[in-house]
């Protein structure tokens, strides 16, 4: 999960049998816009208007985790 002043962005991934996250195996993702939805009732991750922000936050999340596989490349490789 990555939290900014405006958004909360989360990626859910599969794990290996050793319970190690597999960052190339995205199960689901979610993003909430706290400016318009402070109670996180509406997941906007699939909103085409938010696609650029999803990519930015995914790259930031993976940079913070030390991985390079962003949600954009995971979605386009499936």
C-alpha atoms as a PDB file:
ATOM      1  CA  UNK A   1       0.000   0.000   0.000  1.00  0.00           C
ATOM      2  CA  UNK A   2       1.103   3.516  -0.846  1.00  0.00           C
ATOM      3  CA  UNK A   3      -0.610   6.534   0.700  1.00  0.00           C
ATOM      4  CA  UNK A   4      -0.286  10.076  -0.611  1.00  0.00           C
ATOM      5  CA  UNK A   5      -2.005  13.262   0.485  1.00  0.00           C
ATOM      6  CA  UNK A   6      -4.833  12.424  -1.911  1.00  0.00           C
ATOM      7  CA  UNK A   7      -4.814   8.672  -2.682  1.00  0.00           C
ATOM      8  CA  UNK A   8      -4.470   5.259  -1.101  1.00  0.00           C
ATOM      9  CA  UNK A   9      -3.209   2.717  -3.631  1.00  0.00           C
ATOM     10  CA  UNK A  10      -2.840  -1.009  -2.881  1.00  0.00           C
ATOM     11  CA  UNK A  11      -1.670  -3.997  -4.903  1.00  0.00           C
ATOM     12  CA  UNK A  12      -2.553  -7.541  -3.838  1.00  0.00           C
ATOM     13  CA  UNK A  13      -0.164 -10.188  -5.166  1.00  0.00           C
ATOM     14  CA  UNK A  14       0.221 -13.954  -5.001  1.00  0.00           C
ATOM     15  CA  UNK A  15       2.805 -15.464  -2.693  1.00  0.00           C
ATOM     16  CA  UNK A  16       5.209 -18.362  -3.131  1.00  0.00           C
ATOM     17  CA  UNK A  17       4.978 -21.410  -0.909  1.00  0.00           C
ATOM     18  CA  UNK A  18       7.547 -19.699   1.336  1.00  0.00           C
ATOM     19  CA  UNK A  19       5.110 -16.779   1.754  1.00  0.00           C
ATOM     20  CA  UNK A  20       7.314 -14.472  -0.294  1.00  0.00           C
ATOM     21  CA  UNK A  21       5.353 -11.906  -2.343  1.00  0.00           C
ATOM     22  CA  UNK A  22       5.479 -12.526  -6.092  1.00  0.00           C
ATOM     23  CA  UNK A  23       5.301  -8.955  -7.416  1.00  0.00           C
ATOM     24  CA  UNK A  24       4.801 -10.177 -10.991  1.00  0.00           C
ATOM     25  CA  UNK A  25       1.583 -11.999 -10.060  1.00  0.00           C
ATOM     26  CA  UNK A  26      -0.971  -9.274  -9.415  1.00  0.00           C
ATOM     27  CA  UNK A  27      -4.273 -10.539  -7.972  1.00  0.00           C
ATOM     28  CA  UNK A  28      -6.030  -7.208  -7.514  1.00  0.00           C
ATOM     29  CA  UNK A  29      -5.420  -3.542  -6.953  1.00  0.00           C
ATOM     30  CA  UNK A  30      -7.394  -0.723  -5.439  1.00  0.00           C
ATOM     31  CA  UNK A  31      -7.170   3.053  -5.325  1.00  0.00           C
ATOM     32  CA  UNK A  32      -9.254   5.529  -3.381  1.00  0.00           C
ATOM     33  CA  UNK A  33      -9.383   9.274  -3.995  1.00  0.00           C
ATOM     34  CA  UNK A  34      -9.628  10.879  -0.558  1.00  0.00           C
ATOM     35  CA  UNK A  35     -10.455  14.288  -2.041  1.00  0.00           C
ATOM     36  CA  UNK A  36     -13.755  12.922  -3.363  1.00  0.00           C
ATOM     37  CA  UNK A  37     -14.222   9.795  -1.231  1.00  0.00           C
ATOM     38  CA  UNK A  38     -12.705  10.168   2.256  1.00  0.00           C
ATOM     39  CA  UNK A  39     -14.443   7.003   3.493  1.00  0.00           C
ATOM     40  CA  UNK A  40     -13.026   4.837   0.685  1.00  0.00           C
ATOM     41  CA  UNK A  41     -16.389   3.629  -0.599  1.00  0.00           C
ATOM     42  CA  UNK A  42     -15.474   3.697  -4.316  1.00  0.00           C
ATOM     43  CA  UNK A  43     -12.471   1.893  -5.765  1.00  0.00           C
ATOM     44  CA  UNK A  44     -11.386   4.016  -8.766  1.00  0.00           C
ATOM     45  CA  UNK A  45      -8.476   1.831  -9.918  1.00  0.00           C
ATOM     46  CA  UNK A  46     -10.333   0.792 -13.100  1.00  0.00           C
ATOM     47  CA  UNK A  47     -11.582   4.293 -13.944  1.00  0.00           C
ATOM     48  CA  UNK A  48      -9.967   5.236 -17.289  1.00  0.00           C
ATOM     49  CA  UNK A  49      -9.653   8.821 -16.034  1.00  0.00           C
ATOM     50  CA  UNK A  50      -7.354   7.537 -13.274  1.00  0.00           C
ATOM     51  CA  UNK A  51      -5.113   5.323 -15.466  1.00  0.00           C
ATOM     52  CA  UNK A  52      -2.178   7.739 -15.407  1.00  0.00           C
ATOM     53  CA  UNK A  53      -2.331   8.092 -11.628  1.00  0.00           C
ATOM     54  CA  UNK A  54      -2.569   4.308 -11.183  1.00  0.00           C
ATOM     55  CA  UNK A  55       0.619   3.930 -13.223  1.00  0.00           C
ATOM     56  CA  UNK A  56       2.427   6.632 -11.262  1.00  0.00           C
ATOM     57  CA  UNK A  57       1.458   5.171  -7.894  1.00  0.00           C
ATOM     58  CA  UNK A  58       2.280   1.625  -8.996  1.00  0.00           C
ATOM     59  CA  UNK A  59       5.765   2.693 -10.074  1.00  0.00           C
ATOM     60  CA  UNK A  60       6.257   4.544  -6.775  1.00  0.00           C
ATOM     61  CA  UNK A  61       5.077   1.518  -4.792  1.00  0.00           C
ATOM     62  CA  UNK A  62       7.443  -0.794  -6.632  1.00  0.00           C
ATOM     63  CA  UNK A  63      10.342   1.641  -6.303  1.00  0.00           C
ATOM     64  CA  UNK A  64       9.746   1.755  -2.548  1.00  0.00           C
ATOM     65  CA  UNK A  65       9.659  -2.068  -2.437  1.00  0.00           C
ATOM     66  CA  UNK A  66      12.789  -2.380  -4.559  1.00  0.00           C
ATOM     67  CA  UNK A  67      10.954  -4.053  -7.459  1.00  0.00           C
ATOM     68  CA  UNK A  68      10.566  -2.858 -11.025  1.00  0.00           C
ATOM     69  CA  UNK A  69       7.371  -4.613 -12.141  1.00  0.00           C
ATOM     70  CA  UNK A  70       4.607  -1.990 -12.156  1.00  0.00           C
ATOM     71  CA  UNK A  71       0.895  -2.705 -12.509  1.00  0.00           C
ATOM     72  CA  UNK A  72       1.015  -1.337 -16.066  1.00  0.00           C
ATOM     73  CA  UNK A  73       3.428  -4.013 -17.218  1.00  0.00           C
ATOM     74  CA  UNK A  74       1.597  -6.727 -15.278  1.00  0.00           C
ATOM     75  CA  UNK A  75      -1.718  -5.843 -16.936  1.00  0.00           C
ATOM     76  CA  UNK A  76      -0.276  -5.598 -20.443  1.00  0.00           C
ATOM     77  CA  UNK A  77       1.554  -8.925 -20.162  1.00  0.00           C
ATOM     78  CA  UNK A  78      -1.598 -10.920 -19.405  1.00  0.00           C
END
